[in-house]
């Protein structure tokens, strides 16, 4: 997680394209854990993948770049980003249910 004194931010990302059935959630979970980000990822009923992430500005910028890339089998058409409220009880990153 963030070092002492670094401000945490929370973001919600909606990733659209060919992002379900291609290992996208596992890819996001691994990348978030490497970056030290807390949050979750899940498939949405509309075919998008939703990500809630919290970390420093630098961590979130790095995650966004990886979301835009995606795993090999994916095709990312858009990553919509919005600011959201921190969830202080989240300490790790996990894959959530389908929706």
Protein backbone atom coordinates (compact mmCIF):
# COMPACT_ATOMS: atom_id res chain seq x y z
CA UNK A 1 0.00 0.00 0.00
CA UNK A 2 1.01 3.66 0.12
CA UNK A 3 3.91 4.85 2.22
CA UNK A 4 3.20 6.88 5.34
CA UNK A 5 2.16 10.41 4.38
CA UNK A 6 1.14 9.58 0.81
CA UNK A 7 -2.44 10.49 0.03
CA UNK A 8 -4.74 7.70 -1.09
CA UNK A 9 -7.25 8.18 -3.89
CA UNK A 10 -10.07 5.93 -5.09
CA UNK A 11 -11.12 5.43 -8.70
CA UNK A 12 -13.77 3.44 -10.50
CA UNK A 13 -12.91 2.21 -13.98
CA UNK A 14 -15.28 0.75 -16.56
CA UNK A 15 -13.36 -1.16 -19.21
CA UNK A 16 -15.20 -1.84 -22.47
CA UNK A 17 -14.34 -4.00 -25.46
CA UNK A 18 -13.62 -7.73 -25.63
CA UNK A 19 -12.87 -7.91 -21.91
CA UNK A 20 -14.94 -10.85 -20.64
CA UNK A 21 -13.91 -14.45 -21.19
CA UNK A 22 -10.28 -13.49 -21.88
CA UNK A 23 -8.76 -13.60 -18.37
CA UNK A 24 -9.18 -9.87 -17.81
CA UNK A 25 -10.19 -10.11 -14.13
CA UNK A 26 -7.20 -12.30 -13.30
CA UNK A 27 -4.93 -9.94 -15.22
CA UNK A 28 -6.25 -6.95 -13.25
CA UNK A 29 -5.93 -8.77 -9.94
CA UNK A 30 -2.29 -9.65 -10.64
CA UNK A 31 -1.36 -6.17 -11.85
CA UNK A 32 -3.07 -4.49 -8.88
CA UNK A 33 -1.25 -6.78 -6.44
CA UNK A 34 2.08 -6.01 -8.12
CA UNK A 35 1.34 -2.27 -7.82
CA UNK A 36 0.18 -2.56 -4.18
CA UNK A 37 -3.36 -1.36 -4.92
CA UNK A 38 -6.42 -2.36 -2.87
CA UNK A 39 -9.86 -2.90 -4.39
CA UNK A 40 -11.78 -5.34 -6.56
CA UNK A 41 -12.65 -6.26 -10.14
CA UNK A 42 -15.84 -7.83 -11.51
CA UNK A 43 -17.72 -8.51 -14.73
CA UNK A 44 -20.81 -6.40 -15.34
CA UNK A 45 -23.98 -7.64 -17.03
CA UNK A 46 -23.48 -5.18 -19.93
CA UNK A 47 -20.20 -6.85 -20.97
CA UNK A 48 -17.89 -4.33 -19.31
CA UNK A 49 -15.39 -5.05 -16.55
CA UNK A 50 -15.68 -2.79 -13.50
CA UNK A 51 -12.67 -2.01 -11.31
CA UNK A 52 -12.61 -0.25 -7.94
CA UNK A 53 -9.07 0.70 -6.97
CA UNK A 54 -7.44 2.78 -4.30
CA UNK A 55 -3.84 3.83 -4.01
CA UNK A 56 -1.57 6.80 -4.66
CA UNK A 57 -1.90 8.90 -7.81
CA UNK A 58 1.16 7.13 -9.25
CA UNK A 59 -0.22 3.66 -8.50
CA UNK A 60 -3.59 4.50 -10.07
CA UNK A 61 -1.97 6.02 -13.16
CA UNK A 62 0.08 2.84 -13.62
CA UNK A 63 -3.03 0.68 -13.21
CA UNK A 64 -4.94 2.71 -15.77
CA UNK A 65 -2.16 2.17 -18.28
CA UNK A 66 -2.33 -1.57 -17.69
CA UNK A 67 -6.14 -1.56 -17.99
CA UNK A 68 -5.82 0.15 -21.37
CA UNK A 69 -3.44 -2.57 -22.49
CA UNK A 70 -5.18 -5.62 -21.01
CA UNK A 71 -4.09 -9.23 -21.39
CA UNK A 72 -3.12 -10.62 -24.80
CA UNK A 73 -6.54 -12.02 -25.73
CA UNK A 74 -8.42 -8.82 -24.82
CA UNK A 75 -9.34 -5.85 -26.96
CA UNK A 76 -9.84 -2.69 -24.91
CA UNK A 77 -11.98 -0.08 -26.66
CA UNK A 78 -12.40 2.37 -23.77
CA UNK A 79 -11.52 2.90 -20.13
CA UNK A 80 -13.93 5.28 -18.38
CA UNK A 81 -12.53 6.63 -15.11
CA UNK A 82 -14.32 8.41 -12.29
CA UNK A 83 -13.34 9.47 -8.81
CA UNK A 84 -15.09 7.76 -5.94
CA UNK A 85 -14.93 7.50 -2.14
CA UNK A 86 -12.23 5.57 -0.32
CA UNK A 87 -13.19 2.30 1.32
CA UNK A 88 -10.91 2.20 4.34
CA UNK A 89 -11.76 -1.43 5.15
CA UNK A 90 -10.21 -2.67 1.88
CA UNK A 91 -6.60 -3.80 2.35
CA UNK A 92 -6.16 -6.25 -0.54
CA UNK A 93 -7.29 -6.66 -4.15
CA UNK A 94 -9.78 -9.39 -5.10
CA UNK A 95 -12.00 -10.71 -7.86
CA UNK A 96 -15.70 -10.34 -7.04
CA UNK A 97 -18.71 -12.29 -8.34
CA UNK A 98 -20.08 -11.85 -11.83
CA UNK A 99 -22.25 -8.77 -11.05
